[in-house]
Structures are given as C-alpha cells and as structure tokens.
Amino acid sequence: QWSEHGPVSPLPLLGHPWVLLLGPDACGAALTNGDKAFA
C-alpha cells in the first residue's frame, strides 16, 4: 500500500471500504485528532 499509494489509501476490509493511514505523519494526524473528525 505504501509503495503504490503512499500514506493515505483505500483498503477494503471486512465488507467495508476502509482508509489505511501509514507513516508517522498520517498516523499522528488521526491519533492527535486536531479537528475532532476521528471517533
């Protein structure tokens, strides 16, 4: 996923269209959740 799409990419899992976040910048953005978009 990283080599083909980079840090943000679609990934179908368990019957849903998930988004995969890779690398410290993308993971940090979601976990620190500055705009309170991630629950």
PDB file of all heavy atoms in Angstrom:
ATOM      1  N   GLN A   1       0.833  -1.206   0.000  1.00  0.00           N
ATOM      2  CA  GLN A   1       0.000   0.000   0.000  1.00  0.00           C
ATOM      3  C   GLN A   1       0.867   1.255   0.000  1.00  0.00           C
ATOM      4  O   GLN A   1       0.581   2.231  -0.694  1.00  0.00           O
ATOM      5  CB  GLN A   1      -0.915  -0.006   1.227  1.00  0.00           C
ATOM      6  CG  GLN A   1      -2.002  -1.050   1.220  1.00  0.00           C
ATOM      7  CD  GLN A   1      -3.165  -0.724   0.306  1.00  0.00           C
ATOM      8  OE1 GLN A   1      -3.518  -1.496  -0.579  1.00  0.00           O
ATOM      9  NE2 GLN A   1      -3.763   0.439   0.505  1.00  0.00           N
ATOM     10  N   TRP A   2       1.932   1.238   0.798  1.00  0.00           N
ATOM     11  CA  TRP A   2       2.814   2.392   0.888  1.00  0.00           C
ATOM     12  C   TRP A   2       3.501   2.669  -0.457  1.00  0.00           C
ATOM     13  O   TRP A   2       3.584   3.815  -0.909  1.00  0.00           O
ATOM     14  CB  TRP A   2       3.847   2.150   1.978  1.00  0.00           C
ATOM     15  CG  TRP A   2       4.869   3.235   2.128  1.00  0.00           C
ATOM     16  CD1 TRP A   2       6.123   3.255   1.595  1.00  0.00           C
ATOM     17  CD2 TRP A   2       4.737   4.459   2.866  1.00  0.00           C
ATOM     18  NE1 TRP A   2       6.785   4.406   1.953  1.00  0.00           N
ATOM     19  CE2 TRP A   2       5.958   5.160   2.733  1.00  0.00           C
ATOM     20  CE3 TRP A   2       3.712   5.011   3.632  1.00  0.00           C
ATOM     21  CZ2 TRP A   2       6.172   6.402   3.343  1.00  0.00           C
ATOM     22  CZ3 TRP A   2       3.928   6.246   4.236  1.00  0.00           C
ATOM     23  CH2 TRP A   2       5.141   6.931   4.092  1.00  0.00           C
ATOM     24  N   SER A   3       4.009   1.609  -1.091  1.00  0.00           N
ATOM     25  CA  SER A   3       4.730   1.795  -2.352  1.00  0.00           C
ATOM     26  C   SER A   3       3.800   2.223  -3.481  1.00  0.00           C
ATOM     27  O   SER A   3       4.209   2.963  -4.383  1.00  0.00           O
ATOM     28  CB  SER A   3       5.468   0.504  -2.735  1.00  0.00           C
ATOM     29  OG  SER A   3       4.546  -0.551  -2.982  1.00  0.00           O
ATOM     30  N   GLU A   4       2.541   1.776  -3.443  1.00  0.00           N
ATOM     31  CA  GLU A   4       1.609   2.096  -4.522  1.00  0.00           C
ATOM     32  C   GLU A   4       0.842   3.399  -4.304  1.00  0.00           C
ATOM     33  O   GLU A   4       0.523   4.099  -5.265  1.00  0.00           O
ATOM     34  CB  GLU A   4       0.611   0.948  -4.706  1.00  0.00           C
ATOM     35  CG  GLU A   4       1.266  -0.347  -5.197  1.00  0.00           C
ATOM     36  CD  GLU A   4       0.290  -1.515  -5.224  1.00  0.00           C
ATOM     37  OE1 GLU A   4      -0.924  -1.288  -4.980  1.00  0.00           O
ATOM     38  OE2 GLU A   4       0.729  -2.650  -5.480  1.00  0.00           O
ATOM     39  N   HIS A   5       0.536   3.715  -3.031  1.00  0.00           N
ATOM     40  CA  HIS A   5      -0.343   4.856  -2.778  1.00  0.00           C
ATOM     41  C   HIS A   5       0.207   5.874  -1.789  1.00  0.00           C
ATOM     42  O   HIS A   5      -0.355   6.969  -1.673  1.00  0.00           O
ATOM     43  CB  HIS A   5      -1.693   4.364  -2.252  1.00  0.00           C
ATOM     44  CG  HIS A   5      -2.412   3.429  -3.176  1.00  0.00           C
ATOM     45  ND1 HIS A   5      -2.911   3.833  -4.392  1.00  0.00           N
ATOM     46  CD2 HIS A   5      -2.717   2.115  -3.063  1.00  0.00           C
ATOM     47  CE1 HIS A   5      -3.500   2.810  -4.991  1.00  0.00           C
ATOM     48  NE2 HIS A   5      -3.387   1.745  -4.210  1.00  0.00           N
ATOM     49  N   GLY A   6       1.233   5.514  -1.010  1.00  0.00           N
ATOM     50  CA  GLY A   6       1.726   6.443  -0.012  1.00  0.00           C
ATOM     51  C   GLY A   6       0.975   6.351   1.295  1.00  0.00           C
ATOM     52  O   GLY A   6       0.396   5.312   1.627  1.00  0.00           O
ATOM     53  N   PRO A   7       0.930   7.440   2.067  1.00  0.00           N
ATOM     54  CA  PRO A   7       0.435   7.362   3.444  1.00  0.00           C
ATOM     55  C   PRO A   7      -1.079   7.241   3.603  1.00  0.00           C
ATOM     56  O   PRO A   7      -1.536   6.826   4.669  1.00  0.00           O
ATOM     57  CB  PRO A   7       0.943   8.668   4.076  1.00  0.00           C
ATOM     58  CG  PRO A   7       1.114   9.594   2.933  1.00  0.00           C
ATOM     59  CD  PRO A   7       1.541   8.757   1.771  1.00  0.00           C
ATOM     60  N   VAL A   8      -1.866   7.587   2.580  1.00  0.00           N
ATOM     61  CA  VAL A   8      -3.327   7.551   2.698  1.00  0.00           C
ATOM     62  C   VAL A   8      -3.878   6.787   1.508  1.00  0.00           C
ATOM     63  O   VAL A   8      -3.673   7.191   0.355  1.00  0.00           O
ATOM     64  CB  VAL A   8      -3.940   8.975   2.732  1.00  0.00           C
ATOM     65  CG1 VAL A   8      -5.443   8.910   2.979  1.00  0.00           C
ATOM     66  CG2 VAL A   8      -3.264   9.841   3.788  1.00  0.00           C
ATOM     67  N   SER A   9      -4.568   5.679   1.792  1.00  0.00           N
ATOM     68  CA  SER A   9      -5.046   4.862   0.672  1.00  0.00           C
ATOM     69  C   SER A   9      -6.304   4.109   1.046  1.00  0.00           C
ATOM     70  O   SER A   9      -6.553   3.824   2.221  1.00  0.00           O
ATOM     71  CB  SER A   9      -3.962   3.856   0.253  1.00  0.00           C
ATOM     72  OG  SER A   9      -3.657   2.966   1.306  1.00  0.00           O
ATOM     73  N   PRO A  10      -7.131   3.769   0.066  1.00  0.00           N
ATOM     74  CA  PRO A  10      -8.316   2.946   0.339  1.00  0.00           C
ATOM     75  C   PRO A  10      -7.919   1.498   0.532  1.00  0.00           C
ATOM     76  O   PRO A  10      -6.970   1.001  -0.084  1.00  0.00           O
ATOM     77  CB  PRO A  10      -9.150   3.119  -0.930  1.00  0.00           C
ATOM     78  CG  PRO A  10      -8.147   3.387  -2.009  1.00  0.00           C
ATOM     79  CD  PRO A  10      -7.019   4.131  -1.353  1.00  0.00           C
ATOM     80  N   LEU A  11      -8.633   0.808   1.418  1.00  0.00           N
ATOM     81  CA  LEU A  11      -8.329  -0.595   1.696  1.00  0.00           C
ATOM     82  C   LEU A  11      -9.614  -1.302   2.107  1.00  0.00           C
ATOM     83  O   LEU A  11     -10.104  -1.096   3.222  1.00  0.00           O
ATOM     84  CB  LEU A  11      -7.282  -0.697   2.810  1.00  0.00           C
ATOM     85  CG  LEU A  11      -6.814  -2.117   3.153  1.00  0.00           C
ATOM     86  CD1 LEU A  11      -6.000  -2.701   2.006  1.00  0.00           C
ATOM     87  CD2 LEU A  11      -5.981  -2.123   4.429  1.00  0.00           C
ATOM     88  N   PRO A  12     -10.187  -2.133   1.260  1.00  0.00           N
ATOM     89  CA  PRO A  12     -11.415  -2.837   1.638  1.00  0.00           C
ATOM     90  C   PRO A  12     -11.140  -3.948   2.638  1.00  0.00           C
ATOM     91  O   PRO A  12     -10.311  -4.828   2.405  1.00  0.00           O
ATOM     92  CB  PRO A  12     -11.918  -3.399   0.299  1.00  0.00           C
ATOM     93  CG  PRO A  12     -10.699  -3.491  -0.565  1.00  0.00           C
ATOM     94  CD  PRO A  12      -9.766  -2.413  -0.127  1.00  0.00           C
ATOM     95  N   LEU A  13     -11.818  -3.885   3.785  1.00  0.00           N
ATOM     96  CA  LEU A  13     -11.655  -4.873   4.849  1.00  0.00           C
ATOM     97  C   LEU A  13     -13.013  -5.212   5.436  1.00  0.00           C
ATOM     98  O   LEU A  13     -13.847  -4.326   5.633  1.00  0.00           O
ATOM     99  CB  LEU A  13     -10.760  -4.329   5.971  1.00  0.00           C
ATOM    100  CG  LEU A  13      -9.288  -4.076   5.699  1.00  0.00           C
ATOM    101  CD1 LEU A  13      -8.660  -3.319   6.871  1.00  0.00           C
ATOM    102  CD2 LEU A  13      -8.544  -5.376   5.457  1.00  0.00           C
ATOM    103  N   LEU A  14     -13.237  -6.484   5.727  1.00  0.00           N
ATOM    104  CA  LEU A  14     -14.413  -6.920   6.481  1.00  0.00           C
ATOM    105  C   LEU A  14     -15.705  -6.322   5.934  1.00  0.00           C
ATOM    106  O   LEU A  14     -16.596  -5.906   6.675  1.00  0.00           O
ATOM    107  CB  LEU A  14     -14.251  -6.554   7.963  1.00  0.00           C
ATOM    108  CG  LEU A  14     -13.097  -7.237   8.697  1.00  0.00           C
ATOM    109  CD1 LEU A  14     -12.909  -6.630  10.077  1.00  0.00           C
ATOM    110  CD2 LEU A  14     -13.345  -8.739   8.807  1.00  0.00           C
ATOM    111  N   GLY A  15     -15.806  -6.254   4.613  1.00  0.00           N
ATOM    112  CA  GLY A  15     -17.050  -5.825   3.993  1.00  0.00           C
ATOM    113  C   GLY A  15     -17.265  -4.327   3.929  1.00  0.00           C
ATOM    114  O   GLY A  15     -18.364  -3.880   3.584  1.00  0.00           O
ATOM    115  N   HIS A  16     -16.219  -3.518   4.249  1.00  0.00           N
ATOM    116  CA  HIS A  16     -16.369  -2.059   4.225  1.00  0.00           C
ATOM    117  C   HIS A  16     -15.196  -1.414   3.506  1.00  0.00           C
ATOM    118  O   HIS A  16     -14.082  -1.947   3.504  1.00  0.00           O
ATOM    119  CB  HIS A  16     -16.438  -1.507   5.650  1.00  0.00           C
ATOM    120  CG  HIS A  16     -17.730  -1.786   6.348  1.00  0.00           C
ATOM    121  ND1 HIS A  16     -18.861  -1.018   6.199  1.00  0.00           N
ATOM    122  CD2 HIS A  16     -18.082  -2.788   7.198  1.00  0.00           C
ATOM    123  CE1 HIS A  16     -19.844  -1.506   6.936  1.00  0.00           C
ATOM    124  NE2 HIS A  16     -19.401  -2.596   7.547  1.00  0.00           N
ATOM    125  N   PRO A  17     -15.404  -0.232   2.917  1.00  0.00           N
ATOM    126  CA  PRO A  17     -14.310   0.498   2.265  1.00  0.00           C
ATOM    127  C   PRO A  17     -13.510   1.322   3.271  1.00  0.00           C
ATOM    128  O   PRO A  17     -13.786   2.503   3.498  1.00  0.00           O
ATOM    129  CB  PRO A  17     -15.042   1.397   1.264  1.00  0.00           C
ATOM    130  CG  PRO A  17     -16.363   1.665   1.910  1.00  0.00           C
ATOM    131  CD  PRO A  17     -16.712   0.423   2.694  1.00  0.00           C
ATOM    132  N   TRP A  18     -12.518   0.727   3.896  1.00  0.00           N
ATOM    133  CA  TRP A  18     -11.697   1.402   4.891  1.00  0.00           C
ATOM    134  C   TRP A  18     -10.684   2.325   4.218  1.00  0.00           C
ATOM    135  O   TRP A  18     -10.408   2.218   3.018  1.00  0.00           O
ATOM    136  CB  TRP A  18     -10.933   0.380   5.730  1.00  0.00           C
ATOM    137  CG  TRP A  18     -11.792  -0.416   6.667  1.00  0.00           C
ATOM    138  CD1 TRP A  18     -12.776  -1.315   6.333  1.00  0.00           C
ATOM    139  CD2 TRP A  18     -11.747  -0.408   8.092  1.00  0.00           C
ATOM    140  NE1 TRP A  18     -13.343  -1.858   7.457  1.00  0.00           N
ATOM    141  CE2 TRP A  18     -12.728  -1.314   8.555  1.00  0.00           C
ATOM    142  CE3 TRP A  18     -10.966   0.273   9.021  1.00  0.00           C
ATOM    143  CZ2 TRP A  18     -12.947  -1.556   9.900  1.00  0.00           C
ATOM    144  CZ3 TRP A  18     -11.177   0.034  10.376  1.00  0.00           C
ATOM    145  CH2 TRP A  18     -12.162  -0.870  10.804  1.00  0.00           C
ATOM    146  N   VAL A  19     -10.107   3.212   5.027  1.00  0.00           N
ATOM    147  CA  VAL A  19      -8.950   4.015   4.623  1.00  0.00           C
ATOM    148  C   VAL A  19      -7.787   3.618   5.521  1.00  0.00           C
ATOM    149  O   VAL A  19      -7.943   3.526   6.742  1.00  0.00           O
ATOM    150  CB  VAL A  19      -9.234   5.525   4.762  1.00  0.00           C
ATOM    151  CG1 VAL A  19      -7.972   6.333   4.481  1.00  0.00           C
ATOM    152  CG2 VAL A  19     -10.354   5.942   3.813  1.00  0.00           C
ATOM    153  N   LEU A  20      -6.634   3.365   4.909  1.00  0.00           N
ATOM    154  CA  LEU A  20      -5.439   2.979   5.649  1.00  0.00           C
ATOM    155  C   LEU A  20      -4.498   4.164   5.770  1.00  0.00           C
ATOM    156  O   LEU A  20      -4.199   4.837   4.773  1.00  0.00           O
ATOM    157  CB  LEU A  20      -4.728   1.821   4.941  1.00  0.00           C
ATOM    158  CG  LEU A  20      -3.406   1.352   5.547  1.00  0.00           C
ATOM    159  CD1 LEU A  20      -3.616   0.743   6.926  1.00  0.00           C
ATOM    160  CD2 LEU A  20      -2.719   0.346   4.615  1.00  0.00           C
ATOM    161  N   LEU A  21      -4.035   4.444   6.984  1.00  0.00           N
ATOM    162  CA  LEU A  21      -3.067   5.506   7.229  1.00  0.00           C
ATOM    163  C   LEU A  21      -1.735   4.885   7.640  1.00  0.00           C
ATOM    164  O   LEU A  21      -1.676   4.106   8.599  1.00  0.00           O
ATOM    165  CB  LEU A  21      -3.563   6.447   8.335  1.00  0.00           C
ATOM    166  CG  LEU A  21      -4.902   7.154   8.083  1.00  0.00           C
ATOM    167  CD1 LEU A  21      -5.219   8.114   9.226  1.00  0.00           C
ATOM    168  CD2 LEU A  21      -4.897   7.895   6.749  1.00  0.00           C
ATOM    169  N   LEU A  22      -0.684   5.243   6.905  1.00  0.00           N
ATOM    170  CA  LEU A  22       0.654   4.704   7.144  1.00  0.00           C
ATOM    171  C   LEU A  22       1.651   5.838   7.331  1.00  0.00           C
ATOM    172  O   LEU A  22       1.520   6.906   6.727  1.00  0.00           O
ATOM    173  CB  LEU A  22       1.096   3.845   5.951  1.00  0.00           C
ATOM    174  CG  LEU A  22       0.295   2.573   5.678  1.00  0.00           C
ATOM    175  CD1 LEU A  22       0.733   1.950   4.349  1.00  0.00           C
ATOM    176  CD2 LEU A  22       0.452   1.566   6.807  1.00  0.00           C
ATOM    177  N   GLY A  23       2.656   5.588   8.137  1.00  0.00           N
ATOM    178  CA  GLY A  23       3.694   6.577   8.370  1.00  0.00           C
ATOM    179  C   GLY A  23       3.343   7.497   9.530  1.00  0.00           C
ATOM    180  O   GLY A  23       2.173   7.695   9.860  1.00  0.00           O
ATOM    181  N   PRO A  24       4.365   8.058  10.191  1.00  0.00           N
ATOM    182  CA  PRO A  24       4.115   8.848  11.401  1.00  0.00           C
ATOM    183  C   PRO A  24       3.305  10.107  11.178  1.00  0.00           C
ATOM    184  O   PRO A  24       2.559  10.529  12.067  1.00  0.00           O
ATOM    185  CB  PRO A  24       5.528   9.163  11.909  1.00  0.00           C
ATOM    186  CG  PRO A  24       6.430   8.980  10.740  1.00  0.00           C
ATOM    187  CD  PRO A  24       5.806   7.919   9.896  1.00  0.00           C
ATOM    188  N   ASP A  25       3.415  10.741  10.003  1.00  0.00           N
ATOM    189  CA  ASP A  25       2.640  11.956   9.768  1.00  0.00           C
ATOM    190  C   ASP A  25       1.153  11.645   9.696  1.00  0.00           C
ATOM    191  O   ASP A  25       0.324  12.312  10.335  1.00  0.00           O
ATOM    192  CB  ASP A  25       3.098  12.642   8.479  1.00  0.00           C
ATOM    193  CG  ASP A  25       4.473  13.260   8.608  1.00  0.00           C
ATOM    194  OD1 ASP A  25       4.721  13.937   9.625  1.00  0.00           O
ATOM    195  OD2 ASP A  25       5.311  13.057   7.706  1.00  0.00           O
ATOM    196  N   ALA A  26       0.781  10.645   8.914  1.00  0.00           N
ATOM    197  CA  ALA A  26      -0.633  10.300   8.766  1.00  0.00           C
ATOM    198  C   ALA A  26      -1.198   9.729  10.059  1.00  0.00           C
ATOM    199  O   ALA A  26      -2.304  10.098  10.485  1.00  0.00           O
ATOM    200  CB  ALA A  26      -0.806   9.311   7.615  1.00  0.00           C
ATOM    201  N   CYS A  27      -0.452   8.815  10.694  1.00  0.00           N
ATOM    202  CA  CYS A  27      -0.943   8.230  11.951  1.00  0.00           C
ATOM    203  C   CYS A  27      -1.069   9.297  13.030  1.00  0.00           C
ATOM    204  O   CYS A  27      -2.054   9.331  13.776  1.00  0.00           O
ATOM    205  CB  CYS A  27       0.003   7.127  12.415  1.00  0.00           C
ATOM    206  SG  CYS A  27       0.015   5.660  11.367  1.00  0.00           S
ATOM    207  N   GLY A  28      -0.087  10.173  13.115  1.00  0.00           N
ATOM    208  CA  GLY A  28      -0.149  11.232  14.109  1.00  0.00           C
ATOM    209  C   GLY A  28      -1.331  12.152  13.896  1.00  0.00           C
ATOM    210  O   GLY A  28      -1.971  12.588  14.870  1.00  0.00           O
ATOM    211  N   ALA A  29      -1.660  12.450  12.639  1.00  0.00           N
ATOM    212  CA  ALA A  29      -2.794  13.327  12.358  1.00  0.00           C
ATOM    213  C   ALA A  29      -4.094  12.729  12.883  1.00  0.00           C
ATOM    214  O   ALA A  29      -4.937  13.434  13.456  1.00  0.00           O
ATOM    215  CB  ALA A  29      -2.898  13.580  10.854  1.00  0.00           C
ATOM    216  N   ALA A  30      -4.273  11.420  12.698  1.00  0.00           N
ATOM    217  CA  ALA A  30      -5.515  10.790  13.151  1.00  0.00           C
ATOM    218  C   ALA A  30      -5.560  10.646  14.669  1.00  0.00           C
ATOM    219  O   ALA A  30      -6.594  10.879  15.299  1.00  0.00           O
ATOM    220  CB  ALA A  30      -5.676   9.422  12.487  1.00  0.00           C
ATOM    221  N   LEU A  31      -4.437  10.272  15.278  1.00  0.00           N
ATOM    222  CA  LEU A  31      -4.448   9.996  16.714  1.00  0.00           C
ATOM    223  C   LEU A  31      -4.475  11.276  17.552  1.00  0.00           C
ATOM    224  O   LEU A  31      -5.070  11.290  18.627  1.00  0.00           O
ATOM    225  CB  LEU A  31      -3.247   9.132  17.086  1.00  0.00           C
ATOM    226  CG  LEU A  31      -3.219   7.727  16.450  1.00  0.00           C
ATOM    227  CD1 LEU A  31      -2.043   6.924  16.976  1.00  0.00           C
ATOM    228  CD2 LEU A  31      -4.514   6.976  16.679  1.00  0.00           C
ATOM    229  N   THR A  32      -3.824  12.321  17.090  1.00  0.00           N
ATOM    230  CA  THR A  32      -3.923  13.594  17.817  1.00  0.00           C
ATOM    231  C   THR A  32      -5.244  14.295  17.526  1.00  0.00           C
ATOM    232  O   THR A  32      -5.725  15.076  18.342  1.00  0.00           O
ATOM    233  CB  THR A  32      -2.747  14.513  17.474  1.00  0.00           C
ATOM    234  OG1 THR A  32      -2.679  14.694  16.049  1.00  0.00           O
ATOM    235  CG2 THR A  32      -1.443  13.933  17.980  1.00  0.00           C
ATOM    236  N   ASN A  33      -5.821  14.039  16.332  1.00  0.00           N
ATOM    237  CA  ASN A  33      -7.223  14.377  16.044  1.00  0.00           C
ATOM    238  C   ASN A  33      -7.539  15.856  16.310  1.00  0.00           C
ATOM    239  O   ASN A  33      -8.474  16.194  17.032  1.00  0.00           O
ATOM    240  CB  ASN A  33      -8.141  13.476  16.891  1.00  0.00           C
ATOM    241  CG  ASN A  33      -9.562  13.408  16.364  1.00  0.00           C
ATOM    242  OD1 ASN A  33      -9.846  13.792  15.221  1.00  0.00           O
ATOM    243  ND2 ASN A  33     -10.473  12.923  17.190  1.00  0.00           N
ATOM    244  N   GLY A  34      -6.749  16.723  15.691  1.00  0.00           N
ATOM    245  CA  GLY A  34      -6.897  18.143  15.949  1.00  0.00           C
ATOM    246  C   GLY A  34      -8.250  18.720  15.590  1.00  0.00           C
ATOM    247  O   GLY A  34      -8.741  19.629  16.279  1.00  0.00           O
ATOM    248  N   ASP A  35      -8.872  18.228  14.531  1.00  0.00           N
ATOM    249  CA  ASP A  35     -10.184  18.779  14.135  1.00  0.00           C
ATOM    250  C   ASP A  35     -11.357  17.928  14.620  1.00  0.00           C
ATOM    251  O   ASP A  35     -12.491  18.136  14.204  1.00  0.00           O
ATOM    252  CB  ASP A  35     -10.256  18.959  12.622  1.00  0.00           C
ATOM    253  CG  ASP A  35     -10.167  17.641  11.858  1.00  0.00           C
ATOM    254  OD1 ASP A  35      -9.870  16.600  12.502  1.00  0.00           O
ATOM    255  OD2 ASP A  35     -10.373  17.640  10.633  1.00  0.00           O
ATOM    256  N   LYS A  36     -11.062  16.952  15.521  1.00  0.00           N
ATOM    257  CA  LYS A  36     -12.098  16.100  16.115  1.00  0.00           C
ATOM    258  C   LYS A  36     -12.968  15.421  15.048  1.00  0.00           C
ATOM    259  O   LYS A  36     -14.175  15.268  15.206  1.00  0.00           O
ATOM    260  CB  LYS A  36     -12.974  16.901  17.086  1.00  0.00           C
ATOM    261  CG  LYS A  36     -12.212  17.376  18.334  1.00  0.00           C
ATOM    262  CD  LYS A  36     -13.136  18.094  19.305  1.00  0.00           C
ATOM    263  CE  LYS A  36     -12.449  18.348  20.647  1.00  0.00           C
ATOM    264  NZ  LYS A  36     -11.167  19.061  20.528  1.00  0.00           N
ATOM    265  N   ALA A  37     -12.301  14.974  14.003  1.00  0.00           N
ATOM    266  CA  ALA A  37     -13.023  14.278  12.935  1.00  0.00           C
ATOM    267  C   ALA A  37     -13.004  12.766  13.117  1.00  0.00           C
ATOM    268  O   ALA A  37     -13.825  12.062  12.515  1.00  0.00           O
ATOM    269  CB  ALA A  37     -12.409  14.627  11.573  1.00  0.00           C
ATOM    270  N   PHE A  38     -12.085  12.264  13.959  1.00  0.00           N
ATOM    271  CA  PHE A  38     -11.918  10.815  14.119  1.00  0.00           C
ATOM    272  C   PHE A  38     -12.489  10.375  15.464  1.00  0.00           C
ATOM    273  O   PHE A  38     -12.093  10.891  16.512  1.00  0.00           O
ATOM    274  CB  PHE A  38     -10.444  10.438  14.036  1.00  0.00           C
ATOM    275  CG  PHE A  38      -9.808  10.722  12.709  1.00  0.00           C
ATOM    276  CD1 PHE A  38      -9.148  11.922  12.486  1.00  0.00           C
ATOM    277  CD2 PHE A  38      -9.877   9.804  11.678  1.00  0.00           C
ATOM    278  CE1 PHE A  38      -8.563  12.200  11.263  1.00  0.00           C
ATOM    279  CE2 PHE A  38      -9.297  10.064  10.448  1.00  0.00           C
ATOM    280  CZ  PHE A  38      -8.639  11.274  10.231  1.00  0.00           C
ATOM    281  N   ALA A  39     -13.385   9.417  15.437  1.00  0.00           N
ATOM    282  CA  ALA A  39     -14.017   8.913  16.655  1.00  0.00           C
ATOM    283  C   ALA A  39     -13.636   7.453  16.871  1.00  0.00           C
ATOM    284  O   ALA A  39     -13.528   6.670  15.919  1.00  0.00           O
ATOM    285  CB  ALA A  39     -15.532   9.052  16.573  1.00  0.00           C
TER     286      ALA A  39
END
